[in-house]
Amino acid sequence: MIWNKYQKELSKYSLKNKFEIQKIPKYSEQNFHIFFIKLKNEKERKDIVDYLSSKGISASFHYIPLHSSIGGLKYGRFYGEDKYTTKESLKILRLPLFYNMKLIELELIIKFLKQYFI
């Protein structure tokens, strides 16, 4: 399974403090629809997106916090101080994961990520 291979191969780099990988709490179940890594900052995320793009791989930011989205700005409001949400959202990079992804595609993505962090 693609998600499991990402987890296995990239956890080594997470342990070396290159980036964080997602952790699934014991009380929760994984639905395997997304795999992301969390980088040190927005610049590093941009640099990796550019690097992967130069290799023909499309990776993207994970999400825009609801309070700063068009709908959130129009209909909602943020309560309290935004100490973490916006800052942390800028570090998240969603890796390619789709239903007909081939193993060779996955292995290339992992290879390029490893090369970037060596």
PDB file of N, CA and C in Angstrom:
ATOM      1  N   MET A   1       0.838  -1.180   0.000  1.00  0.00           N
ATOM      2  CA  MET A   1       0.000   0.000   0.000  1.00  0.00           C
ATOM      3  C   MET A   1       0.887   1.248   0.000  1.00  0.00           C
ATOM      4  N   ILE A   2       0.504   2.234  -0.759  1.00  0.00           N
ATOM      5  CA  ILE A   2       1.296   3.449  -0.944  1.00  0.00           C
ATOM      6  C   ILE A   2       1.558   4.171   0.372  1.00  0.00           C
ATOM      7  N   TRP A   3       0.512   4.395   1.154  1.00  0.00           N
ATOM      8  CA  TRP A   3       0.658   5.119   2.402  1.00  0.00           C
ATOM      9  C   TRP A   3       1.672   4.436   3.312  1.00  0.00           C
ATOM     10  N   ASN A   4       1.580   3.120   3.420  1.00  0.00           N
ATOM     11  CA  ASN A   4       2.491   2.365   4.284  1.00  0.00           C
ATOM     12  C   ASN A   4       3.938   2.466   3.818  1.00  0.00           C
ATOM     13  N   LYS A   5       4.140   2.460   2.518  1.00  0.00           N
ATOM     14  CA  LYS A   5       5.516   2.582   1.981  1.00  0.00           C
ATOM     15  C   LYS A   5       6.070   3.976   2.280  1.00  0.00           C
ATOM     16  N   TYR A   6       5.274   5.009   2.086  1.00  0.00           N
ATOM     17  CA  TYR A   6       5.719   6.355   2.483  1.00  0.00           C
ATOM     18  C   TYR A   6       6.124   6.345   3.962  1.00  0.00           C
ATOM     19  N   GLN A   7       5.247   5.814   4.791  1.00  0.00           N
ATOM     20  CA  GLN A   7       5.491   5.800   6.241  1.00  0.00           C
ATOM     21  C   GLN A   7       6.798   5.083   6.560  1.00  0.00           C
ATOM     22  N   LYS A   8       6.994   3.924   5.998  1.00  0.00           N
ATOM     23  CA  LYS A   8       8.185   3.118   6.282  1.00  0.00           C
ATOM     24  C   LYS A   8       9.455   3.819   5.799  1.00  0.00           C
ATOM     25  N   GLU A   9       9.449   4.268   4.575  1.00  0.00           N
ATOM     26  CA  GLU A   9      10.656   4.849   3.983  1.00  0.00           C
ATOM     27  C   GLU A   9      11.002   6.226   4.544  1.00  0.00           C
ATOM     28  N   LEU A  10       9.998   7.025   4.838  1.00  0.00           N
ATOM     29  CA  LEU A  10      10.262   8.398   5.271  1.00  0.00           C
ATOM     30  C   LEU A  10      10.406   8.541   6.784  1.00  0.00           C
ATOM     31  N   SER A  11       9.987   7.533   7.539  1.00  0.00           N
ATOM     32  CA  SER A  11      10.118   7.635   8.993  1.00  0.00           C
ATOM     33  C   SER A  11      11.578   7.721   9.416  1.00  0.00           C
ATOM     34  N   LYS A  12      12.482   7.163   8.623  1.00  0.00           N
ATOM     35  CA  LYS A  12      13.917   7.249   8.932  1.00  0.00           C
ATOM     36  C   LYS A  12      14.385   8.698   8.941  1.00  0.00           C
ATOM     37  N   TYR A  13      13.856   9.476   8.021  1.00  0.00           N
ATOM     38  CA  TYR A  13      14.260  10.884   7.926  1.00  0.00           C
ATOM     39  C   TYR A  13      13.587  11.722   9.001  1.00  0.00           C
ATOM     40  N   SER A  14      12.410  11.293   9.381  1.00  0.00           N
ATOM     41  CA  SER A  14      11.727  11.972  10.477  1.00  0.00           C
ATOM     42  C   SER A  14      12.523  11.779  11.766  1.00  0.00           C
ATOM     43  N   LEU A  15      13.038  10.588  11.958  1.00  0.00           N
ATOM     44  CA  LEU A  15      13.836  10.307  13.152  1.00  0.00           C
ATOM     45  C   LEU A  15      15.129  11.113  13.175  1.00  0.00           C
ATOM     46  N   LYS A  16      15.606  11.503  12.012  1.00  0.00           N
ATOM     47  CA  LYS A  16      16.831  12.306  11.924  1.00  0.00           C
ATOM     48  C   LYS A  16      16.525  13.807  11.959  1.00  0.00           C
ATOM     49  N   ASN A  17      15.279  14.145  12.285  1.00  0.00           N
ATOM     50  CA  ASN A  17      14.828  15.542  12.410  1.00  0.00           C
ATOM     51  C   ASN A  17      14.927  16.340  11.115  1.00  0.00           C
ATOM     52  N   LYS A  18      14.786  15.673   9.985  1.00  0.00           N
ATOM     53  CA  LYS A  18      14.750  16.378   8.701  1.00  0.00           C
ATOM     54  C   LYS A  18      13.358  16.969   8.475  1.00  0.00           C
ATOM     55  N   PHE A  19      12.332  16.246   8.925  1.00  0.00           N
ATOM     56  CA  PHE A  19      10.944  16.679   8.841  1.00  0.00           C
ATOM     57  C   PHE A  19      10.130  15.779   9.752  1.00  0.00           C
ATOM     58  N   GLU A  20       8.880  16.141   9.945  1.00  0.00           N
ATOM     59  CA  GLU A  20       7.969  15.301  10.731  1.00  0.00           C
ATOM     60  C   GLU A  20       7.046  14.555   9.783  1.00  0.00           C
ATOM     61  N   ILE A  21       6.700  13.336  10.165  1.00  0.00           N
ATOM     62  CA  ILE A  21       5.668  12.618   9.421  1.00  0.00           C
ATOM     63  C   ILE A  21       4.422  12.547  10.299  1.00  0.00           C
ATOM     64  N   GLN A  22       3.300  12.340   9.654  1.00  0.00           N
ATOM     65  CA  GLN A  22       2.047  12.307  10.394  1.00  0.00           C
ATOM     66  C   GLN A  22       2.015  11.113  11.343  1.00  0.00           C
ATOM     67  N   LYS A  23       1.410  11.334  12.468  1.00  0.00           N
ATOM     68  CA  LYS A  23       1.262  10.278  13.468  1.00  0.00           C
ATOM     69  C   LYS A  23      -0.225   9.990  13.639  1.00  0.00           C
ATOM     70  N   ILE A  24      -0.556   8.732  13.616  1.00  0.00           N
ATOM     71  CA  ILE A  24      -1.946   8.323  13.769  1.00  0.00           C
ATOM     72  C   ILE A  24      -2.140   7.893  15.225  1.00  0.00           C
ATOM     73  N   PRO A  25      -2.997   8.586  15.972  1.00  0.00           N
ATOM     74  CA  PRO A  25      -3.221   8.220  17.373  1.00  0.00           C
ATOM     75  C   PRO A  25      -3.795   6.810  17.492  1.00  0.00           C
ATOM     76  N   LYS A  26      -3.480   6.127  18.576  1.00  0.00           N
ATOM     77  CA  LYS A  26      -3.959   4.755  18.793  1.00  0.00           C
ATOM     78  C   LYS A  26      -5.485   4.667  18.836  1.00  0.00           C
ATOM     79  N   TYR A  27      -6.145   5.746  19.267  1.00  0.00           N
ATOM     80  CA  TYR A  27      -7.607   5.730  19.369  1.00  0.00           C
ATOM     81  C   TYR A  27      -8.284   5.990  18.023  1.00  0.00           C
ATOM     82  N   SER A  28      -7.500   6.197  16.971  1.00  0.00           N
ATOM     83  CA  SER A  28      -8.037   6.571  15.671  1.00  0.00           C
ATOM     84  C   SER A  28      -7.709   5.512  14.631  1.00  0.00           C
ATOM     85  N   GLU A  29      -8.409   5.569  13.521  1.00  0.00           N
ATOM     86  CA  GLU A  29      -8.126   4.680  12.398  1.00  0.00           C
ATOM     87  C   GLU A  29      -7.690   5.505  11.201  1.00  0.00           C
ATOM     88  N   GLN A  30      -6.775   4.978  10.447  1.00  0.00           N
ATOM     89  CA  GLN A  30      -6.245   5.650   9.259  1.00  0.00           C
ATOM     90  C   GLN A  30      -7.130   5.308   8.065  1.00  0.00           C
ATOM     91  N   ASN A  31      -7.443   6.298   7.242  1.00  0.00           N
ATOM     92  CA  ASN A  31      -8.196   5.989   6.017  1.00  0.00           C
ATOM     93  C   ASN A  31      -7.304   6.063   4.777  1.00  0.00           C
ATOM     94  N   PHE A  32      -6.025   6.352   4.957  1.00  0.00           N
ATOM     95  CA  PHE A  32      -5.005   6.250   3.918  1.00  0.00           C
ATOM     96  C   PHE A  32      -5.260   7.140   2.704  1.00  0.00           C
ATOM     97  N   HIS A  33      -5.966   8.246   2.860  1.00  0.00           N
ATOM     98  CA  HIS A  33      -6.295   9.088   1.710  1.00  0.00           C
ATOM     99  C   HIS A  33      -5.266  10.191   1.458  1.00  0.00           C
ATOM    100  N   ILE A  34      -4.361  10.423   2.399  1.00  0.00           N
ATOM    101  CA  ILE A  34      -3.407  11.512   2.252  1.00  0.00           C
ATOM    102  C   ILE A  34      -2.134  11.162   3.024  1.00  0.00           C
ATOM    103  N   PHE A  35      -1.010  11.601   2.487  1.00  0.00           N
ATOM    104  CA  PHE A  35       0.243  11.489   3.237  1.00  0.00           C
ATOM    105  C   PHE A  35       0.932  12.836   3.154  1.00  0.00           C
ATOM    106  N   PHE A  36       1.323  13.346   4.313  1.00  0.00           N
ATOM    107  CA  PHE A  36       2.015  14.636   4.325  1.00  0.00           C
ATOM    108  C   PHE A  36       3.222  14.580   5.230  1.00  0.00           C
ATOM    109  N   ILE A  37       4.123  15.522   4.993  1.00  0.00           N
ATOM    110  CA  ILE A  37       5.249  15.734   5.888  1.00  0.00           C
ATOM    111  C   ILE A  37       5.181  17.180   6.353  1.00  0.00           C
ATOM    112  N   LYS A  38       5.737  17.432   7.528  1.00  0.00           N
ATOM    113  CA  LYS A  38       5.766  18.797   8.047  1.00  0.00           C
ATOM    114  C   LYS A  38       7.221  19.234   8.123  1.00  0.00           C
ATOM    115  N   LEU A  39       7.509  20.324   7.440  1.00  0.00           N
ATOM    116  CA  LEU A  39       8.871  20.819   7.310  1.00  0.00           C
ATOM    117  C   LEU A  39       9.180  21.881   8.351  1.00  0.00           C
ATOM    118  N   LYS A  40      10.390  22.407   8.299  1.00  0.00           N
ATOM    119  CA  LYS A  40      10.814  23.385   9.303  1.00  0.00           C
ATOM    120  C   LYS A  40      10.140  24.738   9.130  1.00  0.00           C
ATOM    121  N   ASN A  41       9.866  25.122   7.874  1.00  0.00           N
ATOM    122  CA  ASN A  41       9.258  26.427   7.628  1.00  0.00           C
ATOM    123  C   ASN A  41       8.698  26.487   6.208  1.00  0.00           C
ATOM    124  N   GLU A  42       8.055  27.592   5.897  1.00  0.00           N
ATOM    125  CA  GLU A  42       7.431  27.774   4.585  1.00  0.00           C
ATOM    126  C   GLU A  42       8.466  27.806   3.462  1.00  0.00           C
ATOM    127  N   LYS A  43       9.624  28.406   3.698  1.00  0.00           N
ATOM    128  CA  LYS A  43      10.667  28.481   2.673  1.00  0.00           C
ATOM    129  C   LYS A  43      11.150  27.087   2.288  1.00  0.00           C
ATOM    130  N   GLU A  44      11.372  26.242   3.289  1.00  0.00           N
ATOM    131  CA  GLU A  44      11.811  24.883   2.980  1.00  0.00           C
ATOM    132  C   GLU A  44      10.740  24.143   2.183  1.00  0.00           C
ATOM    133  N   ARG A  45       9.478  24.355   2.550  1.00  0.00           N
ATOM    134  CA  ARG A  45       8.396  23.722   1.785  1.00  0.00           C
ATOM    135  C   ARG A  45       8.425  24.187   0.336  1.00  0.00           C
ATOM    136  N   LYS A  46       8.568  25.490   0.122  1.00  0.00           N
ATOM    137  CA  LYS A  46       8.628  26.021  -1.242  1.00  0.00           C
ATOM    138  C   LYS A  46       9.818  25.444  -2.008  1.00  0.00           C
ATOM    139  N   ASP A  47      10.965  25.367  -1.354  1.00  0.00           N
ATOM    140  CA  ASP A  47      12.163  24.823  -2.001  1.00  0.00           C
ATOM    141  C   ASP A  47      11.955  23.370  -2.417  1.00  0.00           C
ATOM    142  N   ILE A  48      11.314  22.578  -1.563  1.00  0.00           N
ATOM    143  CA  ILE A  48      11.066  21.174  -1.893  1.00  0.00           C
ATOM    144  C   ILE A  48      10.023  21.053  -2.997  1.00  0.00           C
ATOM    145  N   VAL A  49       8.984  21.884  -2.959  1.00  0.00           N
ATOM    146  CA  VAL A  49       7.987  21.879  -4.034  1.00  0.00           C
ATOM    147  C   VAL A  49       8.675  22.192  -5.362  1.00  0.00           C
ATOM    148  N   ASP A  50       9.543  23.194  -5.372  1.00  0.00           N
ATOM    149  CA  ASP A  50      10.271  23.557  -6.597  1.00  0.00           C
ATOM    150  C   ASP A  50      11.190  22.425  -7.051  1.00  0.00           C
ATOM    151  N   TYR A  51      11.893  21.811  -6.097  1.00  0.00           N
ATOM    152  CA  TYR A  51      12.799  20.704  -6.421  1.00  0.00           C
ATOM    153  C   TYR A  51      12.023  19.538  -7.037  1.00  0.00           C
ATOM    154  N   LEU A  52      10.937  19.138  -6.378  1.00  0.00           N
ATOM    155  CA  LEU A  52      10.142  18.031  -6.906  1.00  0.00           C
ATOM    156  C   LEU A  52       9.540  18.388  -8.265  1.00  0.00           C
ATOM    157  N   SER A  53       9.108  19.632  -8.415  1.00  0.00           N
ATOM    158  CA  SER A  53       8.556  20.076  -9.699  1.00  0.00           C
ATOM    159  C   SER A  53       9.598  19.952 -10.813  1.00  0.00           C
ATOM    160  N   SER A  54      10.847  20.268 -10.502  1.00  0.00           N
ATOM    161  CA  SER A  54      11.918  20.145 -11.502  1.00  0.00           C
ATOM    162  C   SER A  54      12.133  18.691 -11.914  1.00  0.00           C
ATOM    163  N   LYS A  55      11.656  17.764 -11.107  1.00  0.00           N
ATOM    164  CA  LYS A  55      11.751  16.328 -11.395  1.00  0.00           C
ATOM    165  C   LYS A  55      10.444  15.794 -11.988  1.00  0.00           C
ATOM    166  N   GLY A  56       9.477  16.690 -12.244  1.00  0.00           N
ATOM    167  CA  GLY A  56       8.205  16.283 -12.825  1.00  0.00           C
ATOM    168  C   GLY A  56       7.188  15.780 -11.813  1.00  0.00           C
ATOM    169  N   ILE A  57       7.383  16.105 -10.530  1.00  0.00           N
ATOM    170  CA  ILE A  57       6.497  15.637  -9.465  1.00  0.00           C
ATOM    171  C   ILE A  57       5.754  16.824  -8.875  1.00  0.00           C
ATOM    172  N   SER A  58       4.452  16.683  -8.782  1.00  0.00           N
ATOM    173  CA  SER A  58       3.617  17.749  -8.235  1.00  0.00           C
ATOM    174  C   SER A  58       3.270  17.447  -6.781  1.00  0.00           C
ATOM    175  N   ALA A  59       3.763  18.298  -5.888  1.00  0.00           N
ATOM    176  CA  ALA A  59       3.420  18.216  -4.467  1.00  0.00           C
ATOM    177  C   ALA A  59       2.877  19.591  -4.082  1.00  0.00           C
ATOM    178  N   SER A  60       1.993  19.633  -3.113  1.00  0.00           N
ATOM    179  CA  SER A  60       1.359  20.913  -2.820  1.00  0.00           C
ATOM    180  C   SER A  60       1.194  21.140  -1.329  1.00  0.00           C
ATOM    181  N   PHE A  61       0.803  22.364  -0.992  1.00  0.00           N
ATOM    182  CA  PHE A  61       0.491  22.667   0.394  1.00  0.00           C
ATOM    183  C   PHE A  61      -0.704  21.818   0.787  1.00  0.00           C
ATOM    184  N   HIS A  62      -0.871  21.642   2.077  1.00  0.00           N
ATOM    185  CA  HIS A  62      -1.927  20.738   2.529  1.00  0.00           C
ATOM    186  C   HIS A  62      -3.287  21.419   2.590  1.00  0.00           C
ATOM    187  N   TYR A  63      -3.355  22.540   3.264  1.00  0.00           N
ATOM    188  CA  TYR A  63      -4.646  23.203   3.376  1.00  0.00           C
ATOM    189  C   TYR A  63      -4.458  24.658   3.775  1.00  0.00           C
ATOM    190  N   ILE A  64      -5.485  25.427   3.527  1.00  0.00           N
ATOM    191  CA  ILE A  64      -5.539  26.803   4.005  1.00  0.00           C
ATOM    192  C   ILE A  64      -6.391  26.776   5.268  1.00  0.00           C
ATOM    193  N   PRO A  65      -5.898  27.316   6.361  1.00  0.00           N
ATOM    194  CA  PRO A  65      -6.723  27.316   7.576  1.00  0.00           C
ATOM    195  C   PRO A  65      -8.085  27.943   7.310  1.00  0.00           C
ATOM    196  N   LEU A  66      -9.103  27.345   7.875  1.00  0.00           N
ATOM    197  CA  LEU A  66     -10.471  27.789   7.623  1.00  0.00           C
ATOM    198  C   LEU A  66     -10.649  29.280   7.893  1.00  0.00           C
ATOM    199  N   HIS A  67     -10.055  29.776   8.956  1.00  0.00           N
ATOM    200  CA  HIS A  67     -10.263  31.184   9.314  1.00  0.00           C
ATOM    201  C   HIS A  67      -9.669  32.152   8.295  1.00  0.00           C
ATOM    202  N   SER A  68      -8.761  31.684   7.437  1.00  0.00           N
ATOM    203  CA  SER A  68      -8.188  32.574   6.424  1.00  0.00           C
ATOM    204  C   SER A  68      -8.677  32.238   5.010  1.00  0.00           C
ATOM    205  N   SER A  69      -9.587  31.271   4.895  1.00  0.00           N
ATOM    206  CA  SER A  69     -10.168  30.947   3.593  1.00  0.00           C
ATOM    207  C   SER A  69     -11.220  31.989   3.221  1.00  0.00           C
ATOM    208  N   ILE A  70     -11.627  31.996   1.986  1.00  0.00           N
ATOM    209  CA  ILE A  70     -12.639  32.958   1.536  1.00  0.00           C
ATOM    210  C   ILE A  70     -13.919  32.814   2.359  1.00  0.00           C
ATOM    211  N   GLY A  71     -14.396  31.581   2.496  1.00  0.00           N
ATOM    212  CA  GLY A  71     -15.619  31.350   3.277  1.00  0.00           C
ATOM    213  C   GLY A  71     -15.436  31.675   4.749  1.00  0.00           C
ATOM    214  N   GLY A  72     -14.277  31.311   5.289  1.00  0.00           N
ATOM    215  CA  GLY A  72     -14.009  31.591   6.699  1.00  0.00           C
ATOM    216  C   GLY A  72     -13.955  33.082   6.986  1.00  0.00           C
ATOM    217  N   LEU A  73     -13.354  33.830   6.073  1.00  0.00           N
ATOM    218  CA  LEU A  73     -13.286  35.281   6.249  1.00  0.00           C
ATOM    219  C   LEU A  73     -14.675  35.910   6.155  1.00  0.00           C
ATOM    220  N   LYS A  74     -15.515  35.353   5.285  1.00  0.00           N
ATOM    221  CA  LYS A  74     -16.838  35.924   5.074  1.00  0.00           C
ATOM    222  C   LYS A  74     -17.821  35.521   6.175  1.00  0.00           C
ATOM    223  N   TYR A  75     -17.796  34.240   6.582  1.00  0.00           N
ATOM    224  CA  TYR A  75     -18.837  33.731   7.471  1.00  0.00           C
ATOM    225  C   TYR A  75     -18.377  33.405   8.896  1.00  0.00           C
ATOM    226  N   GLY A  76     -17.091  33.307   9.105  1.00  0.00           N
ATOM    227  CA  GLY A  76     -16.617  32.859  10.410  1.00  0.00           C
ATOM    228  C   GLY A  76     -15.766  33.894  11.108  1.00  0.00           C
ATOM    229  N   ARG A  77     -15.189  33.470  12.193  1.00  0.00           N
ATOM    230  CA  ARG A  77     -14.239  34.317  12.902  1.00  0.00           C
ATOM    231  C   ARG A  77     -13.331  33.408  13.711  1.00  0.00           C
ATOM    232  N   PHE A  78     -12.160  33.908  13.969  1.00  0.00           N
ATOM    233  CA  PHE A  78     -11.186  33.168  14.769  1.00  0.00           C
ATOM    234  C   PHE A  78     -11.277  33.671  16.197  1.00  0.00           C
ATOM    235  N   TYR A  79     -11.440  32.764  17.122  1.00  0.00           N
ATOM    236  CA  TYR A  79     -11.501  33.135  18.540  1.00  0.00           C
ATOM    237  C   TYR A  79     -10.131  32.923  19.160  1.00  0.00           C
ATOM    238  N   GLY A  80      -9.689  33.877  19.933  1.00  0.00           N
ATOM    239  CA  GLY A  80      -8.407  33.748  20.604  1.00  0.00           C
ATOM    240  C   GLY A  80      -7.260  34.184  19.712  1.00  0.00           C
ATOM    241  N   GLU A  81      -6.080  33.805  20.117  1.00  0.00           N
ATOM    242  CA  GLU A  81      -4.866  34.175  19.386  1.00  0.00           C
ATOM    243  C   GLU A  81      -4.449  33.022  18.479  1.00  0.00           C
ATOM    244  N   ASP A  82      -4.095  33.331  17.259  1.00  0.00           N
ATOM    245  CA  ASP A  82      -3.644  32.319  16.300  1.00  0.00           C
ATOM    246  C   ASP A  82      -2.146  32.062  16.515  1.00  0.00           C
ATOM    247  N   LYS A  83      -1.836  31.287  17.535  1.00  0.00           N
ATOM    248  CA  LYS A  83      -0.434  30.989  17.847  1.00  0.00           C
ATOM    249  C   LYS A  83       0.141  29.913  16.930  1.00  0.00           C
ATOM    250  N   TYR A  84      -0.693  28.969  16.498  1.00  0.00           N
ATOM    251  CA  TYR A  84      -0.172  27.794  15.812  1.00  0.00           C
ATOM    252  C   TYR A  84      -0.762  27.513  14.435  1.00  0.00           C
ATOM    253  N   THR A  85      -2.057  27.698  14.269  1.00  0.00           N
ATOM    254  CA  THR A  85      -2.742  27.212  13.074  1.00  0.00           C
ATOM    255  C   THR A  85      -2.109  27.712  11.786  1.00  0.00           C
ATOM    256  N   THR A  86      -1.995  29.000  11.620  1.00  0.00           N
ATOM    257  CA  THR A  86      -1.445  29.549  10.375  1.00  0.00           C
ATOM    258  C   THR A  86       0.024  29.171  10.214  1.00  0.00           C
ATOM    259  N   LYS A  87       0.794  29.334  11.264  1.00  0.00           N
ATOM    260  CA  LYS A  87       2.228  29.028  11.205  1.00  0.00           C
ATOM    261  C   LYS A  87       2.466  27.564  10.831  1.00  0.00           C
ATOM    262  N   GLU A  88       1.749  26.661  11.468  1.00  0.00           N
ATOM    263  CA  GLU A  88       1.942  25.238  11.195  1.00  0.00           C
ATOM    264  C   GLU A  88       1.432  24.852   9.811  1.00  0.00           C
ATOM    265  N   SER A  89       0.366  25.480   9.348  1.00  0.00           N
ATOM    266  CA  SER A  89      -0.173  25.146   8.026  1.00  0.00           C
ATOM    267  C   SER A  89       0.823  25.450   6.918  1.00  0.00           C
ATOM    268  N   LEU A  90       1.698  26.410   7.132  1.00  0.00           N
ATOM    269  CA  LEU A  90       2.690  26.802   6.124  1.00  0.00           C
ATOM    270  C   LEU A  90       3.838  25.805   5.999  1.00  0.00           C
ATOM    271  N   LYS A  91       3.907  24.857   6.908  1.00  0.00           N
ATOM    272  CA  LYS A  91       4.988  23.869   6.922  1.00  0.00           C
ATOM    273  C   LYS A  91       4.583  22.528   6.306  1.00  0.00           C
ATOM    274  N   ILE A  92       3.292  22.347   6.068  1.00  0.00           N
ATOM    275  CA  ILE A  92       2.792  21.034   5.653  1.00  0.00           C
ATOM    276  C   ILE A  92       2.856  20.874   4.136  1.00  0.00           C
ATOM    277  N   LEU A  93       3.418  19.730   3.725  1.00  0.00           N
ATOM    278  CA  LEU A  93       3.534  19.403   2.302  1.00  0.00           C
ATOM    279  C   LEU A  93       2.835  18.068   2.053  1.00  0.00           C
ATOM    280  N   ARG A  94       1.849  18.103   1.184  1.00  0.00           N
ATOM    281  CA  ARG A  94       1.110  16.890   0.815  1.00  0.00           C
ATOM    282  C   ARG A  94       1.837  16.209  -0.339  1.00  0.00           C
ATOM    283  N   LEU A  95       2.151  14.944  -0.152  1.00  0.00           N
ATOM    284  CA  LEU A  95       2.840  14.175  -1.186  1.00  0.00           C
ATOM    285  C   LEU A  95       1.824  13.498  -2.107  1.00  0.00           C
ATOM    286  N   PRO A  96       2.212  13.251  -3.354  1.00  0.00           N
ATOM    287  CA  PRO A  96       1.276  12.594  -4.278  1.00  0.00           C
ATOM    288  C   PRO A  96       0.814  11.240  -3.744  1.00  0.00           C
ATOM    289  N   LEU A  97      -0.481  11.014  -3.834  1.00  0.00           N
ATOM    290  CA  LEU A  97      -1.080   9.747  -3.441  1.00  0.00           C
ATOM    291  C   LEU A  97      -2.429   9.676  -4.155  1.00  0.00           C
ATOM    292  N   PHE A  98      -2.546   8.741  -5.076  1.00  0.00           N
ATOM    293  CA  PHE A  98      -3.788   8.608  -5.825  1.00  0.00           C
ATOM    294  C   PHE A  98      -4.040   7.142  -6.150  1.00  0.00           C
ATOM    295  N   TYR A  99      -5.273   6.824  -6.475  1.00  0.00           N
ATOM    296  CA  TYR A  99      -5.727   5.439  -6.532  1.00  0.00           C
ATOM    297  C   TYR A  99      -4.997   4.564  -7.543  1.00  0.00           C
ATOM    298  N   ASN A 100      -4.555   5.102  -8.661  1.00  0.00           N
ATOM    299  CA  ASN A 100      -3.864   4.282  -9.649  1.00  0.00           C
ATOM    300  C   ASN A 100      -2.362   4.583  -9.705  1.00  0.00           C
ATOM    301  N   MET A 101      -1.827   5.048  -8.609  1.00  0.00           N
ATOM    302  CA  MET A 101      -0.402   5.353  -8.522  1.00  0.00           C
ATOM    303  C   MET A 101       0.402   4.061  -8.655  1.00  0.00           C
ATOM    304  N   LYS A 102       1.422   4.123  -9.468  1.00  0.00           N
ATOM    305  CA  LYS A 102       2.261   2.949  -9.688  1.00  0.00           C
ATOM    306  C   LYS A 102       3.426   2.949  -8.694  1.00  0.00           C
ATOM    307  N   LEU A 103       3.895   1.768  -8.372  1.00  0.00           N
ATOM    308  CA  LEU A 103       4.994   1.618  -7.425  1.00  0.00           C
ATOM    309  C   LEU A 103       6.235   2.383  -7.892  1.00  0.00           C
ATOM    310  N   ILE A 104       6.519   2.374  -9.168  1.00  0.00           N
ATOM    311  CA  ILE A 104       7.699   3.085  -9.697  1.00  0.00           C
ATOM    312  C   ILE A 104       7.573   4.596  -9.446  1.00  0.00           C
ATOM    313  N   GLU A 105       6.360   5.133  -9.542  1.00  0.00           N
ATOM    314  CA  GLU A 105       6.144   6.556  -9.268  1.00  0.00           C
ATOM    315  C   GLU A 105       6.410   6.863  -7.795  1.00  0.00           C
ATOM    316  N   LEU A 106       5.910   6.018  -6.939  1.00  0.00           N
ATOM    317  CA  LEU A 106       6.126   6.181  -5.508  1.00  0.00           C
ATOM    318  C   LEU A 106       7.610   6.103  -5.171  1.00  0.00           C
ATOM    319  N   GLU A 107       8.287   5.132  -5.739  1.00  0.00           N
ATOM    320  CA  GLU A 107       9.714   4.964  -5.458  1.00  0.00           C
ATOM    321  C   GLU A 107      10.532   6.163  -5.944  1.00  0.00           C
ATOM    322  N   LEU A 108      10.143   6.761  -7.059  1.00  0.00           N
ATOM    323  CA  LEU A 108      10.839   7.962  -7.539  1.00  0.00           C
ATOM    324  C   LEU A 108      10.638   9.142  -6.592  1.00  0.00           C
ATOM    325  N   ILE A 109       9.436   9.314  -6.105  1.00  0.00           N
ATOM    326  CA  ILE A 109       9.161  10.403  -5.160  1.00  0.00           C
ATOM    327  C   ILE A 109      10.013  10.231  -3.909  1.00  0.00           C
ATOM    328  N   ILE A 110      10.029   9.031  -3.379  1.00  0.00           N
ATOM    329  CA  ILE A 110      10.821   8.745  -2.183  1.00  0.00           C
ATOM    330  C   ILE A 110      12.304   8.962  -2.465  1.00  0.00           C
ATOM    331  N   LYS A 111      12.761   8.502  -3.613  1.00  0.00           N
ATOM    332  CA  LYS A 111      14.171   8.678  -3.996  1.00  0.00           C
ATOM    333  C   LYS A 111      14.544  10.157  -4.035  1.00  0.00           C
ATOM    334  N   PHE A 112      13.714  10.966  -4.671  1.00  0.00           N
ATOM    335  CA  PHE A 112      14.027  12.395  -4.782  1.00  0.00           C
ATOM    336  C   PHE A 112      13.975  13.094  -3.426  1.00  0.00           C
ATOM    337  N   LEU A 113      13.031  12.706  -2.574  1.00  0.00           N
ATOM    338  CA  LEU A 113      12.986  13.281  -1.228  1.00  0.00           C
ATOM    339  C   LEU A 113      14.247  12.936  -0.445  1.00  0.00           C
ATOM    340  N   LYS A 114      14.681  11.689  -0.550  1.00  0.00           N
ATOM    341  CA  LYS A 114      15.905  11.265   0.133  1.00  0.00           C
ATOM    342  C   LYS A 114      17.105  12.052  -0.396  1.00  0.00           C
ATOM    343  N   GLN A 115      17.183  12.204  -1.702  1.00  0.00           N
ATOM    344  CA  GLN A 115      18.299  12.975  -2.291  1.00  0.00           C
ATOM    345  C   GLN A 115      18.290  14.407  -1.784  1.00  0.00           C
ATOM    346  N   TYR A 116      17.130  14.992  -1.680  1.00  0.00           N
ATOM    347  CA  TYR A 116      17.026  16.373  -1.215  1.00  0.00           C
ATOM    348  C   TYR A 116      17.546  16.518   0.210  1.00  0.00           C
ATOM    349  N   PHE A 117      17.243  15.543   1.060  1.00  0.00           N
ATOM    350  CA  PHE A 117      17.600  15.651   2.465  1.00  0.00           C
ATOM    351  C   PHE A 117      18.964  15.100   2.825  1.00  0.00           C
ATOM    352  N   ILE A 118      19.657  14.516   1.878  1.00  0.00           N
ATOM    353  CA  ILE A 118      21.015  13.985   2.172  1.00  0.00           C
ATOM    354  C   ILE A 118      21.996  15.124   2.275  1.00  0.00           C
TER     355      ILE A 118
END
